[in-house]
Amino acid sequence: WLISRSFDSSLWSDISMTLTRVFIAFALSALIGVPLGMLMGFFPKVESAFRLPIDFSRSIPATALFPLFILLFGTGEEPRIAAAIYGGSLIILMNTMSGVKQANIARIKAAKAYGAKGWNLFYYVLIPEALPSIFTGFRLGVSLAFVIIILVEMFIGTSSGLGHRIIDAQILYRIPEVYASIGLTGIFGYLLNLMFAYMEGRIVHYSGR
């Protein structure tokens, strides 16, 4: 009842815009974080080359870099997506690297003994070994991307999205809409986490065996 009284017909447009931004940011974060995390976890020289800039970047909030993203990408959707990619990719990268490093040494040695190397070693051994940790990174990464997108929509000049709806209702003192929007944000954040938990259970069913 509260939601139906507080929202107009633009509700689903705002939800759609927020989720679109989140999924684009998450997909690009995964494309950056997983390959680089795999390489850093398996090759010490790659890790030593990237460790300092990555540890330095992890200390800087994504929203603090938004002026830089505007300078680099302009004032459209790109800087908003870039801020979420910045936060999400670092989490996915670190979890992927951790998963590779914690891979079962005996399985890696056995695969090498049977002639597995290069891409085959990555595809058939390292990726399955790292998948539980990668999916943990996915769940954390999509949640962080969602939070960053909401913050960006609230405070960085957007005209659509759940974050924009929250701050707009707050400025106009539409209190029921403020709380209803916050509630919807929590619901969709929970559903995103639930979706990735379900995918993890289906894909990484061998975890712990």
N, C-alpha and C. Protein backbone atom coordinates (compact mmCIF):
# COMPACT_ATOMS: atom_id res chain seq x y z
N TRP A 1 0.83 -1.20 0.00
CA TRP A 1 0.00 0.00 0.00
C TRP A 1 0.87 1.26 0.00
N LEU A 2 1.92 1.26 0.88
CA LEU A 2 2.80 2.43 0.96
C LEU A 2 3.49 2.69 -0.37
N ILE A 3 3.96 1.61 -1.01
CA ILE A 3 4.65 1.78 -2.28
C ILE A 3 3.69 2.29 -3.35
N SER A 4 2.49 1.72 -3.41
CA SER A 4 1.53 2.13 -4.44
C SER A 4 1.10 3.58 -4.24
N ARG A 5 1.05 4.06 -3.00
CA ARG A 5 0.66 5.44 -2.73
C ARG A 5 1.81 6.42 -2.98
N SER A 6 3.05 5.92 -2.87
CA SER A 6 4.21 6.83 -2.89
C SER A 6 4.81 7.01 -4.27
N PHE A 7 4.51 6.14 -5.21
CA PHE A 7 5.21 6.16 -6.49
C PHE A 7 4.25 6.45 -7.64
N ASP A 8 4.80 7.07 -8.65
CA ASP A 8 4.04 7.29 -9.87
C ASP A 8 4.48 6.28 -10.92
N SER A 9 4.08 6.52 -12.17
CA SER A 9 4.36 5.55 -13.23
C SER A 9 5.83 5.46 -13.60
N SER A 10 6.65 6.40 -13.11
CA SER A 10 8.08 6.36 -13.46
C SER A 10 8.88 5.40 -12.58
N LEU A 11 8.20 4.75 -11.64
CA LEU A 11 8.91 3.85 -10.72
C LEU A 11 9.70 2.80 -11.46
N TRP A 12 9.04 2.07 -12.36
CA TRP A 12 9.72 0.96 -13.03
C TRP A 12 10.81 1.45 -13.96
N SER A 13 10.66 2.66 -14.48
CA SER A 13 11.73 3.23 -15.29
C SER A 13 12.97 3.48 -14.43
N ASP A 14 12.77 3.99 -13.21
CA ASP A 14 13.90 4.23 -12.31
C ASP A 14 14.56 2.92 -11.89
N ILE A 15 13.75 1.92 -11.57
CA ILE A 15 14.30 0.61 -11.19
C ILE A 15 15.10 0.03 -12.34
N SER A 16 14.53 0.09 -13.54
CA SER A 16 15.20 -0.45 -14.72
C SER A 16 16.52 0.25 -14.98
N MET A 17 16.55 1.57 -14.85
CA MET A 17 17.77 2.34 -15.09
C MET A 17 18.85 1.98 -14.08
N THR A 18 18.48 1.88 -12.81
CA THR A 18 19.46 1.52 -11.78
C THR A 18 20.03 0.13 -12.02
N LEU A 19 19.16 -0.84 -12.27
CA LEU A 19 19.63 -2.22 -12.47
C LEU A 19 20.47 -2.34 -13.74
N THR A 20 20.11 -1.58 -14.78
CA THR A 20 20.91 -1.60 -16.00
C THR A 20 22.32 -1.10 -15.72
N ARG A 21 22.43 -0.01 -15.00
CA ARG A 21 23.74 0.52 -14.65
C ARG A 21 24.54 -0.49 -13.82
N VAL A 22 23.86 -1.12 -12.88
CA VAL A 22 24.54 -2.09 -12.00
C VAL A 22 25.06 -3.28 -12.81
N PHE A 23 24.24 -3.83 -13.69
CA PHE A 23 24.66 -5.01 -14.42
C PHE A 23 25.75 -4.69 -15.44
N ILE A 24 25.69 -3.54 -16.06
CA ILE A 24 26.78 -3.14 -16.97
C ILE A 24 28.09 -3.01 -16.19
N ALA A 25 28.02 -2.32 -15.05
CA ALA A 25 29.21 -2.13 -14.22
C ALA A 25 29.74 -3.46 -13.72
N PHE A 26 28.85 -4.34 -13.29
CA PHE A 26 29.29 -5.64 -12.79
C PHE A 26 29.94 -6.48 -13.89
N ALA A 27 29.31 -6.50 -15.06
CA ALA A 27 29.86 -7.30 -16.17
C ALA A 27 31.26 -6.84 -16.54
N LEU A 28 31.45 -5.53 -16.63
CA LEU A 28 32.78 -5.00 -16.97
C LEU A 28 33.77 -5.22 -15.83
N SER A 29 33.29 -5.15 -14.59
CA SER A 29 34.15 -5.44 -13.44
C SER A 29 34.65 -6.88 -13.49
N ALA A 30 33.76 -7.81 -13.83
CA ALA A 30 34.15 -9.21 -13.92
C ALA A 30 35.14 -9.44 -15.06
N LEU A 31 34.91 -8.77 -16.19
CA LEU A 31 35.82 -8.91 -17.33
C LEU A 31 37.22 -8.38 -17.01
N ILE A 32 37.30 -7.41 -16.13
CA ILE A 32 38.60 -6.88 -15.72
C ILE A 32 39.19 -7.70 -14.57
N GLY A 33 38.38 -7.95 -13.56
CA GLY A 33 38.88 -8.54 -12.32
C GLY A 33 39.27 -9.99 -12.41
N VAL A 34 38.48 -10.81 -13.12
CA VAL A 34 38.77 -12.25 -13.15
C VAL A 34 40.06 -12.56 -13.91
N PRO A 35 40.24 -12.11 -15.15
CA PRO A 35 41.50 -12.43 -15.84
C PRO A 35 42.74 -11.90 -15.13
N LEU A 36 42.67 -10.65 -14.66
CA LEU A 36 43.84 -10.08 -13.99
C LEU A 36 44.10 -10.79 -12.66
N GLY A 37 43.03 -11.14 -11.95
CA GLY A 37 43.19 -11.88 -10.70
C GLY A 37 43.79 -13.26 -10.92
N MET A 38 43.38 -13.93 -12.00
CA MET A 38 43.96 -15.24 -12.34
C MET A 38 45.45 -15.11 -12.61
N LEU A 39 45.82 -14.12 -13.39
CA LEU A 39 47.24 -13.93 -13.73
C LEU A 39 48.06 -13.56 -12.50
N MET A 40 47.52 -12.69 -11.66
CA MET A 40 48.24 -12.30 -10.45
C MET A 40 48.38 -13.45 -9.47
N GLY A 41 47.37 -14.30 -9.42
CA GLY A 41 47.43 -15.43 -8.50
C GLY A 41 48.40 -16.50 -8.94
N PHE A 42 48.61 -16.64 -10.25
CA PHE A 42 49.44 -17.74 -10.76
C PHE A 42 50.87 -17.30 -11.06
N PHE A 43 51.04 -16.05 -11.48
CA PHE A 43 52.37 -15.57 -11.86
C PHE A 43 52.84 -14.52 -10.85
N PRO A 44 53.83 -14.84 -10.02
CA PRO A 44 54.32 -13.89 -9.01
C PRO A 44 54.81 -12.57 -9.60
N LYS A 45 55.39 -12.61 -10.79
CA LYS A 45 55.90 -11.38 -11.41
C LYS A 45 54.75 -10.43 -11.77
N VAL A 46 53.64 -11.00 -12.22
CA VAL A 46 52.47 -10.16 -12.52
C VAL A 46 51.93 -9.54 -11.24
N GLU A 47 51.89 -10.34 -10.17
CA GLU A 47 51.40 -9.81 -8.90
C GLU A 47 52.30 -8.68 -8.39
N SER A 48 53.61 -8.88 -8.46
CA SER A 48 54.53 -7.85 -7.97
C SER A 48 54.42 -6.56 -8.80
N ALA A 49 54.07 -6.69 -10.08
CA ALA A 49 53.95 -5.52 -10.94
C ALA A 49 52.69 -4.71 -10.63
N PHE A 50 51.60 -5.41 -10.26
CA PHE A 50 50.32 -4.74 -10.07
C PHE A 50 49.94 -4.54 -8.60
N ARG A 51 50.65 -5.16 -7.68
CA ARG A 51 50.22 -5.15 -6.29
C ARG A 51 50.18 -3.74 -5.69
N LEU A 52 51.22 -2.97 -5.91
CA LEU A 52 51.28 -1.62 -5.33
C LEU A 52 50.15 -0.73 -5.83
N PRO A 53 49.95 -0.59 -7.16
CA PRO A 53 48.84 0.28 -7.60
C PRO A 53 47.47 -0.21 -7.17
N ILE A 54 47.31 -1.53 -7.07
CA ILE A 54 46.01 -2.06 -6.65
C ILE A 54 45.78 -1.79 -5.17
N ASP A 55 46.78 -2.04 -4.33
CA ASP A 55 46.63 -1.75 -2.90
C ASP A 55 46.41 -0.26 -2.66
N PHE A 56 47.09 0.57 -3.45
CA PHE A 56 46.89 2.02 -3.34
C PHE A 56 45.46 2.39 -3.73
N SER A 57 44.96 1.81 -4.82
CA SER A 57 43.62 2.14 -5.31
C SER A 57 42.54 1.68 -4.34
N ARG A 58 42.77 0.56 -3.65
CA ARG A 58 41.76 0.04 -2.73
C ARG A 58 41.51 0.98 -1.56
N SER A 59 42.47 1.87 -1.29
CA SER A 59 42.33 2.80 -0.16
C SER A 59 41.54 4.05 -0.53
N ILE A 60 41.21 4.22 -1.81
CA ILE A 60 40.52 5.43 -2.26
C ILE A 60 39.06 5.09 -2.58
N PRO A 61 38.09 5.73 -1.92
CA PRO A 61 36.69 5.46 -2.23
C PRO A 61 36.36 5.81 -3.68
N ALA A 62 35.53 5.00 -4.29
CA ALA A 62 35.18 5.22 -5.70
C ALA A 62 34.49 6.56 -5.90
N THR A 63 33.64 6.95 -4.95
CA THR A 63 32.91 8.20 -5.11
C THR A 63 33.85 9.41 -5.03
N ALA A 64 34.99 9.26 -4.31
CA ALA A 64 35.93 10.38 -4.23
C ALA A 64 36.61 10.66 -5.56
N LEU A 65 36.61 9.65 -6.44
CA LEU A 65 37.26 9.80 -7.74
C LEU A 65 36.30 10.25 -8.83
N PHE A 66 35.06 10.54 -8.45
CA PHE A 66 34.09 10.87 -9.49
C PHE A 66 34.48 12.09 -10.31
N PRO A 67 35.06 13.15 -9.71
CA PRO A 67 35.52 14.28 -10.56
C PRO A 67 36.53 13.84 -11.62
N LEU A 68 37.39 12.88 -11.25
CA LEU A 68 38.36 12.37 -12.23
C LEU A 68 37.66 11.61 -13.34
N PHE A 69 36.65 10.82 -12.98
CA PHE A 69 35.91 10.07 -14.00
C PHE A 69 35.16 11.02 -14.94
N ILE A 70 34.64 12.12 -14.41
CA ILE A 70 33.98 13.11 -15.26
C ILE A 70 34.99 13.74 -16.21
N LEU A 71 36.18 14.02 -15.71
CA LEU A 71 37.24 14.60 -16.54
C LEU A 71 37.63 13.66 -17.67
N LEU A 72 37.68 12.34 -17.37
CA LEU A 72 38.12 11.36 -18.35
C LEU A 72 37.02 10.97 -19.33
N PHE A 73 35.77 10.85 -18.83
CA PHE A 73 34.69 10.26 -19.63
C PHE A 73 33.56 11.23 -19.97
N GLY A 74 33.61 12.45 -19.48
CA GLY A 74 32.53 13.37 -19.77
C GLY A 74 31.45 13.32 -18.70
N THR A 75 30.27 13.85 -19.04
CA THR A 75 29.20 13.99 -18.05
C THR A 75 28.02 13.07 -18.30
N GLY A 76 28.16 12.08 -19.15
CA GLY A 76 27.06 11.16 -19.43
C GLY A 76 27.02 9.99 -18.45
N GLU A 77 26.61 8.84 -18.95
CA GLU A 77 26.52 7.65 -18.12
C GLU A 77 27.90 7.08 -17.79
N GLU A 78 28.89 7.34 -18.64
CA GLU A 78 30.19 6.68 -18.50
C GLU A 78 30.84 6.88 -17.14
N PRO A 79 30.92 8.12 -16.60
CA PRO A 79 31.57 8.27 -15.29
C PRO A 79 30.83 7.57 -14.17
N ARG A 80 29.51 7.48 -14.26
CA ARG A 80 28.73 6.77 -13.23
C ARG A 80 29.05 5.28 -13.26
N ILE A 81 29.10 4.71 -14.46
CA ILE A 81 29.44 3.30 -14.60
C ILE A 81 30.88 3.06 -14.18
N ALA A 82 31.78 3.99 -14.55
CA ALA A 82 33.19 3.83 -14.23
C ALA A 82 33.43 3.79 -12.72
N ALA A 83 32.68 4.60 -11.96
CA ALA A 83 32.84 4.59 -10.51
C ALA A 83 32.49 3.22 -9.92
N ALA A 84 31.42 2.61 -10.43
CA ALA A 84 31.02 1.28 -9.95
C ALA A 84 32.00 0.21 -10.40
N ILE A 85 32.52 0.34 -11.62
CA ILE A 85 33.52 -0.61 -12.11
C ILE A 85 34.77 -0.55 -11.24
N TYR A 86 35.17 0.66 -10.90
CA TYR A 86 36.37 0.85 -10.06
C TYR A 86 36.24 0.06 -8.76
N GLY A 87 35.11 0.20 -8.08
CA GLY A 87 34.93 -0.51 -6.82
C GLY A 87 34.75 -2.00 -6.99
N GLY A 88 33.90 -2.40 -7.95
CA GLY A 88 33.59 -3.82 -8.13
C GLY A 88 34.76 -4.64 -8.63
N SER A 89 35.53 -4.11 -9.56
CA SER A 89 36.62 -4.89 -10.16
C SER A 89 37.72 -5.19 -9.15
N LEU A 90 37.99 -4.28 -8.23
CA LEU A 90 39.03 -4.53 -7.24
C LEU A 90 38.66 -5.68 -6.31
N ILE A 91 37.39 -5.74 -5.90
CA ILE A 91 36.95 -6.83 -5.03
C ILE A 91 37.00 -8.16 -5.77
N ILE A 92 36.51 -8.18 -7.00
CA ILE A 92 36.53 -9.41 -7.79
C ILE A 92 37.96 -9.86 -8.04
N LEU A 93 38.84 -8.91 -8.35
CA LEU A 93 40.24 -9.23 -8.60
C LEU A 93 40.89 -9.88 -7.37
N MET A 94 40.72 -9.29 -6.21
CA MET A 94 41.36 -9.79 -5.00
C MET A 94 40.83 -11.18 -4.63
N ASN A 95 39.54 -11.40 -4.79
CA ASN A 95 38.98 -12.70 -4.47
C ASN A 95 39.42 -13.76 -5.47
N THR A 96 39.52 -13.38 -6.74
CA THR A 96 40.00 -14.32 -7.75
C THR A 96 41.45 -14.70 -7.49
N MET A 97 42.28 -13.73 -7.20
CA MET A 97 43.68 -14.00 -6.89
C MET A 97 43.81 -14.92 -5.68
N SER A 98 43.01 -14.66 -4.66
CA SER A 98 43.03 -15.50 -3.46
C SER A 98 42.61 -16.93 -3.79
N GLY A 99 41.59 -17.08 -4.64
CA GLY A 99 41.14 -18.42 -5.02
C GLY A 99 42.19 -19.20 -5.76
N VAL A 100 42.94 -18.54 -6.66
CA VAL A 100 44.00 -19.21 -7.40
C VAL A 100 45.13 -19.63 -6.46
N LYS A 101 45.49 -18.75 -5.54
CA LYS A 101 46.58 -19.06 -4.61
C LYS A 101 46.22 -20.21 -3.66
N GLN A 102 44.94 -20.36 -3.37
CA GLN A 102 44.51 -21.42 -2.46
C GLN A 102 44.14 -22.70 -3.19
N ALA A 103 44.43 -22.78 -4.48
CA ALA A 103 44.13 -23.98 -5.25
C ALA A 103 44.90 -25.18 -4.69
N ASN A 104 44.30 -26.35 -4.82
CA ASN A 104 44.90 -27.58 -4.32
C ASN A 104 46.18 -27.89 -5.11
N ILE A 105 47.32 -27.83 -4.42
CA ILE A 105 48.62 -28.04 -5.07
C ILE A 105 48.72 -29.43 -5.67
N ALA A 106 48.15 -30.42 -4.96
CA ALA A 106 48.23 -31.80 -5.44
C ALA A 106 47.52 -31.96 -6.79
N ARG A 107 46.38 -31.28 -6.96
CA ARG A 107 45.65 -31.36 -8.22
C ARG A 107 46.41 -30.68 -9.34
N ILE A 108 47.05 -29.56 -9.03
CA ILE A 108 47.84 -28.85 -10.04
C ILE A 108 49.01 -29.72 -10.49
N LYS A 109 49.71 -30.34 -9.54
CA LYS A 109 50.83 -31.20 -9.88
C LYS A 109 50.38 -32.41 -10.68
N ALA A 110 49.24 -32.99 -10.29
CA ALA A 110 48.72 -34.14 -11.03
C ALA A 110 48.35 -33.76 -12.46
N ALA A 111 47.75 -32.58 -12.63
CA ALA A 111 47.39 -32.12 -13.98
C ALA A 111 48.64 -31.90 -14.81
N LYS A 112 49.67 -31.33 -14.22
CA LYS A 112 50.92 -31.12 -14.94
C LYS A 112 51.57 -32.44 -15.31
N ALA A 113 51.46 -33.42 -14.41
CA ALA A 113 52.05 -34.73 -14.69
C ALA A 113 51.38 -35.39 -15.88
N TYR A 114 50.08 -35.09 -16.08
CA TYR A 114 49.36 -35.65 -17.23
C TYR A 114 49.48 -34.76 -18.47
N GLY A 115 50.33 -33.74 -18.40
CA GLY A 115 50.62 -32.92 -19.58
C GLY A 115 49.82 -31.65 -19.71
N ALA A 116 49.01 -31.30 -18.70
CA ALA A 116 48.24 -30.07 -18.77
C ALA A 116 49.15 -28.87 -18.57
N LYS A 117 49.01 -27.89 -19.44
CA LYS A 117 49.79 -26.66 -19.31
C LYS A 117 49.08 -25.54 -20.06
N GLY A 118 49.55 -24.32 -19.79
CA GLY A 118 48.97 -23.17 -20.48
C GLY A 118 47.48 -23.03 -20.23
N TRP A 119 46.71 -22.83 -21.32
CA TRP A 119 45.27 -22.60 -21.21
C TRP A 119 44.56 -23.80 -20.62
N ASN A 120 44.99 -25.01 -20.97
CA ASN A 120 44.34 -26.21 -20.43
C ASN A 120 44.45 -26.26 -18.91
N LEU A 121 45.61 -25.90 -18.39
CA LEU A 121 45.79 -25.90 -16.93
C LEU A 121 44.87 -24.86 -16.29
N PHE A 122 44.75 -23.70 -16.90
CA PHE A 122 43.86 -22.67 -16.36
C PHE A 122 42.40 -23.12 -16.42
N TYR A 123 42.00 -23.65 -17.58
CA TYR A 123 40.59 -23.95 -17.82
C TYR A 123 40.10 -25.15 -17.01
N TYR A 124 40.91 -26.21 -16.97
CA TYR A 124 40.45 -27.45 -16.35
C TYR A 124 40.81 -27.58 -14.87
N VAL A 125 41.77 -26.80 -14.38
CA VAL A 125 42.21 -26.95 -13.00
C VAL A 125 42.05 -25.65 -12.20
N LEU A 126 42.71 -24.58 -12.65
CA LEU A 126 42.75 -23.37 -11.85
C LEU A 126 41.39 -22.67 -11.75
N ILE A 127 40.67 -22.57 -12.86
CA ILE A 127 39.37 -21.90 -12.81
C ILE A 127 38.39 -22.66 -11.92
N PRO A 128 38.24 -24.00 -12.06
CA PRO A 128 37.35 -24.70 -11.12
C PRO A 128 37.80 -24.57 -9.66
N GLU A 129 39.11 -24.58 -9.43
CA GLU A 129 39.60 -24.44 -8.06
C GLU A 129 39.29 -23.06 -7.50
N ALA A 130 39.36 -22.05 -8.34
CA ALA A 130 39.16 -20.67 -7.88
C ALA A 130 37.70 -20.23 -7.89
N LEU A 131 36.82 -21.00 -8.53
CA LEU A 131 35.43 -20.55 -8.70
C LEU A 131 34.71 -20.22 -7.39
N PRO A 132 34.86 -21.01 -6.31
CA PRO A 132 34.18 -20.61 -5.07
C PRO A 132 34.57 -19.22 -4.61
N SER A 133 35.85 -18.90 -4.66
CA SER A 133 36.32 -17.58 -4.27
C SER A 133 35.89 -16.52 -5.28
N ILE A 134 35.87 -16.89 -6.57
CA ILE A 134 35.42 -15.94 -7.60
C ILE A 134 33.96 -15.55 -7.37
N PHE A 135 33.12 -16.53 -7.03
CA PHE A 135 31.72 -16.23 -6.80
C PHE A 135 31.52 -15.40 -5.54
N THR A 136 32.38 -15.60 -4.56
CA THR A 136 32.34 -14.71 -3.40
C THR A 136 32.64 -13.28 -3.83
N GLY A 137 33.64 -13.14 -4.71
CA GLY A 137 33.94 -11.83 -5.26
C GLY A 137 32.79 -11.26 -6.06
N PHE A 138 32.10 -12.12 -6.82
CA PHE A 138 30.94 -11.66 -7.59
C PHE A 138 29.85 -11.10 -6.67
N ARG A 139 29.56 -11.82 -5.60
CA ARG A 139 28.50 -11.38 -4.69
C ARG A 139 28.87 -10.06 -4.02
N LEU A 140 30.13 -9.96 -3.59
CA LEU A 140 30.58 -8.71 -2.97
C LEU A 140 30.66 -7.58 -4.01
N GLY A 141 31.13 -7.94 -5.21
CA GLY A 141 31.30 -6.93 -6.26
C GLY A 141 29.98 -6.36 -6.74
N VAL A 142 28.98 -7.21 -6.94
CA VAL A 142 27.69 -6.69 -7.43
C VAL A 142 27.01 -5.88 -6.33
N SER A 143 27.19 -6.27 -5.07
CA SER A 143 26.62 -5.49 -3.97
C SER A 143 27.27 -4.11 -3.89
N LEU A 144 28.60 -4.07 -4.01
CA LEU A 144 29.29 -2.78 -3.97
C LEU A 144 28.93 -1.92 -5.17
N ALA A 145 28.83 -2.54 -6.35
CA ALA A 145 28.43 -1.79 -7.54
C ALA A 145 27.04 -1.20 -7.35
N PHE A 146 26.15 -1.94 -6.75
CA PHE A 146 24.79 -1.47 -6.49
C PHE A 146 24.81 -0.26 -5.54
N VAL A 147 25.60 -0.37 -4.47
CA VAL A 147 25.70 0.73 -3.50
C VAL A 147 26.28 1.98 -4.17
N ILE A 148 27.34 1.81 -4.95
CA ILE A 148 27.97 2.97 -5.60
C ILE A 148 27.01 3.63 -6.60
N ILE A 149 26.30 2.81 -7.36
CA ILE A 149 25.34 3.36 -8.32
C ILE A 149 24.26 4.17 -7.60
N ILE A 150 23.75 3.64 -6.49
CA ILE A 150 22.74 4.37 -5.73
C ILE A 150 23.29 5.70 -5.22
N LEU A 151 24.52 5.68 -4.69
CA LEU A 151 25.14 6.91 -4.20
C LEU A 151 25.34 7.92 -5.33
N VAL A 152 25.81 7.43 -6.47
CA VAL A 152 26.03 8.32 -7.61
C VAL A 152 24.71 8.93 -8.06
N GLU A 153 23.66 8.12 -8.11
CA GLU A 153 22.35 8.63 -8.51
C GLU A 153 21.81 9.66 -7.51
N MET A 154 22.18 9.51 -6.25
CA MET A 154 21.70 10.43 -5.23
C MET A 154 22.38 11.80 -5.29
N PHE A 155 23.69 11.78 -5.53
CA PHE A 155 24.46 13.00 -5.29
C PHE A 155 25.16 13.57 -6.53
N ILE A 156 25.18 12.84 -7.64
CA ILE A 156 25.96 13.32 -8.79
C ILE A 156 25.04 13.56 -9.98
N GLY A 157 24.14 14.47 -9.87
CA GLY A 157 23.38 15.02 -11.00
C GLY A 157 22.74 14.06 -11.97
N THR A 158 22.07 13.02 -11.50
CA THR A 158 21.32 12.17 -12.39
C THR A 158 19.84 12.57 -12.38
N SER A 159 19.13 12.16 -13.41
CA SER A 159 17.70 12.48 -13.49
C SER A 159 16.85 11.23 -13.47
N SER A 160 17.45 10.07 -13.15
CA SER A 160 16.71 8.82 -13.11
C SER A 160 17.41 7.86 -12.17
N GLY A 161 16.70 6.81 -11.77
CA GLY A 161 17.27 5.80 -10.90
C GLY A 161 16.70 5.87 -9.49
N LEU A 162 16.86 4.79 -8.74
CA LEU A 162 16.34 4.74 -7.38
C LEU A 162 17.02 5.76 -6.47
N GLY A 163 18.34 5.94 -6.65
CA GLY A 163 19.04 6.93 -5.84
C GLY A 163 18.50 8.33 -6.07
N HIS A 164 18.27 8.67 -7.33
CA HIS A 164 17.69 9.99 -7.65
C HIS A 164 16.32 10.12 -7.02
N ARG A 165 15.53 9.06 -7.05
CA ARG A 165 14.19 9.12 -6.47
C ARG A 165 14.25 9.36 -4.96
N ILE A 166 15.23 8.73 -4.29
CA ILE A 166 15.37 8.92 -2.84
C ILE A 166 15.69 10.37 -2.52
N ILE A 167 16.71 10.92 -3.17
CA ILE A 167 17.14 12.28 -2.82
C ILE A 167 16.11 13.31 -3.27
N ASP A 168 15.43 13.05 -4.38
CA ASP A 168 14.39 13.97 -4.85
C ASP A 168 13.23 14.02 -3.87
N ALA A 169 12.81 12.83 -3.39
CA ALA A 169 11.72 12.78 -2.41
C ALA A 169 12.12 13.43 -1.09
N GLN A 170 13.41 13.28 -0.72
CA GLN A 170 13.89 13.89 0.51
C GLN A 170 13.86 15.42 0.42
N ILE A 171 14.32 15.95 -0.71
CA ILE A 171 14.34 17.41 -0.90
C ILE A 171 12.92 17.99 -0.87
N LEU A 172 11.98 17.26 -1.48
CA LEU A 172 10.59 17.72 -1.54
C LEU A 172 9.78 17.32 -0.31
N TYR A 173 10.45 16.69 0.65
CA TYR A 173 9.85 16.30 1.91
C TYR A 173 8.66 15.33 1.72
N ARG A 174 8.83 14.42 0.77
CA ARG A 174 7.84 13.35 0.59
C ARG A 174 8.33 12.14 1.39
N ILE A 175 8.08 12.16 2.68
CA ILE A 175 8.67 11.18 3.60
C ILE A 175 8.25 9.74 3.29
N PRO A 176 6.97 9.46 3.02
CA PRO A 176 6.62 8.08 2.69
C PRO A 176 7.39 7.54 1.48
N GLU A 177 7.57 8.40 0.46
CA GLU A 177 8.31 7.96 -0.72
C GLU A 177 9.78 7.73 -0.40
N VAL A 178 10.35 8.53 0.50
CA VAL A 178 11.75 8.32 0.89
C VAL A 178 11.93 6.93 1.47
N TYR A 179 11.08 6.58 2.44
CA TYR A 179 11.25 5.29 3.11
C TYR A 179 10.88 4.13 2.19
N ALA A 180 9.88 4.35 1.35
CA ALA A 180 9.52 3.29 0.40
C ALA A 180 10.65 3.05 -0.60
N SER A 181 11.31 4.12 -1.06
CA SER A 181 12.44 3.98 -1.98
C SER A 181 13.61 3.27 -1.32
N ILE A 182 13.89 3.64 -0.07
CA ILE A 182 14.96 2.96 0.66
C ILE A 182 14.63 1.49 0.83
N GLY A 183 13.37 1.19 1.14
CA GLY A 183 12.96 -0.21 1.26
C GLY A 183 13.14 -0.98 -0.03
N LEU A 184 12.76 -0.35 -1.16
CA LEU A 184 12.95 -1.00 -2.46
C LEU A 184 14.42 -1.24 -2.76
N THR A 185 15.27 -0.29 -2.39
CA THR A 185 16.71 -0.45 -2.59
C THR A 185 17.22 -1.67 -1.83
N GLY A 186 16.79 -1.81 -0.58
CA GLY A 186 17.19 -2.98 0.20
C GLY A 186 16.68 -4.27 -0.40
N ILE A 187 15.45 -4.26 -0.90
CA ILE A 187 14.87 -5.47 -1.50
C ILE A 187 15.66 -5.90 -2.74
N PHE A 188 15.96 -4.95 -3.61
CA PHE A 188 16.68 -5.31 -4.84
C PHE A 188 18.13 -5.69 -4.54
N GLY A 189 18.75 -5.05 -3.54
CA GLY A 189 20.08 -5.48 -3.13
C GLY A 189 20.08 -6.90 -2.62
N TYR A 190 19.06 -7.24 -1.83
CA TYR A 190 18.94 -8.62 -1.31
C TYR A 190 18.68 -9.61 -2.44
N LEU A 191 17.84 -9.23 -3.40
CA LEU A 191 17.55 -10.13 -4.52
C LEU A 191 18.79 -10.37 -5.39
N LEU A 192 19.61 -9.35 -5.58
CA LEU A 192 20.85 -9.53 -6.33
C LEU A 192 21.76 -10.54 -5.64
N ASN A 193 21.91 -10.39 -4.32
CA ASN A 193 22.73 -11.33 -3.58
C ASN A 193 22.16 -12.74 -3.64
N LEU A 194 20.84 -12.84 -3.54
CA LEU A 194 20.18 -14.14 -3.60
C LEU A 194 20.38 -14.81 -4.96
N MET A 195 20.32 -14.01 -6.01
CA MET A 195 20.52 -14.54 -7.37
C MET A 195 21.92 -15.13 -7.53
N PHE A 196 22.93 -14.41 -7.06
CA PHE A 196 24.29 -14.91 -7.20
C PHE A 196 24.56 -16.09 -6.27
N ALA A 197 23.91 -16.11 -5.11
CA ALA A 197 24.05 -17.26 -4.22
C ALA A 197 23.45 -18.51 -4.88
N TYR A 198 22.32 -18.34 -5.57
CA TYR A 198 21.70 -19.47 -6.28
C TYR A 198 22.60 -19.95 -7.41
N MET A 199 23.14 -19.01 -8.18
CA MET A 199 24.05 -19.39 -9.27
C MET A 199 25.29 -20.10 -8.74
N GLU A 200 25.81 -19.62 -7.61
CA GLU A 200 26.97 -20.27 -7.02
C GLU A 200 26.65 -21.70 -6.61
N GLY A 201 25.48 -21.90 -6.01
CA GLY A 201 25.08 -23.25 -5.61
C GLY A 201 24.92 -24.19 -6.79
N ARG A 202 24.48 -23.67 -7.93
CA ARG A 202 24.28 -24.50 -9.11
C ARG A 202 25.59 -24.79 -9.84
N ILE A 203 26.48 -23.80 -9.89
CA ILE A 203 27.70 -23.94 -10.70
C ILE A 203 28.83 -24.53 -9.86
N VAL A 204 28.97 -24.09 -8.62
CA VAL A 204 30.08 -24.55 -7.77
C VAL A 204 29.57 -25.58 -6.78
N HIS A 205 28.81 -26.55 -7.29
CA HIS A 205 28.22 -27.57 -6.43
C HIS A 205 29.25 -28.51 -5.82
N TYR A 206 30.47 -28.52 -6.39
CA TYR A 206 31.51 -29.41 -5.92
C TYR A 206 32.33 -28.80 -4.79
N SER A 207 32.04 -27.57 -4.41
CA SER A 207 32.85 -26.88 -3.41
C SER A 207 32.87 -27.65 -2.09
N GLY A 208 34.05 -27.82 -1.53
CA GLY A 208 34.21 -28.52 -0.25
C GLY A 208 34.35 -30.01 -0.37
N ARG A 209 34.31 -30.53 -1.60
CA ARG A 209 34.42 -31.99 -1.77
C ARG A 209 35.86 -32.38 -2.10
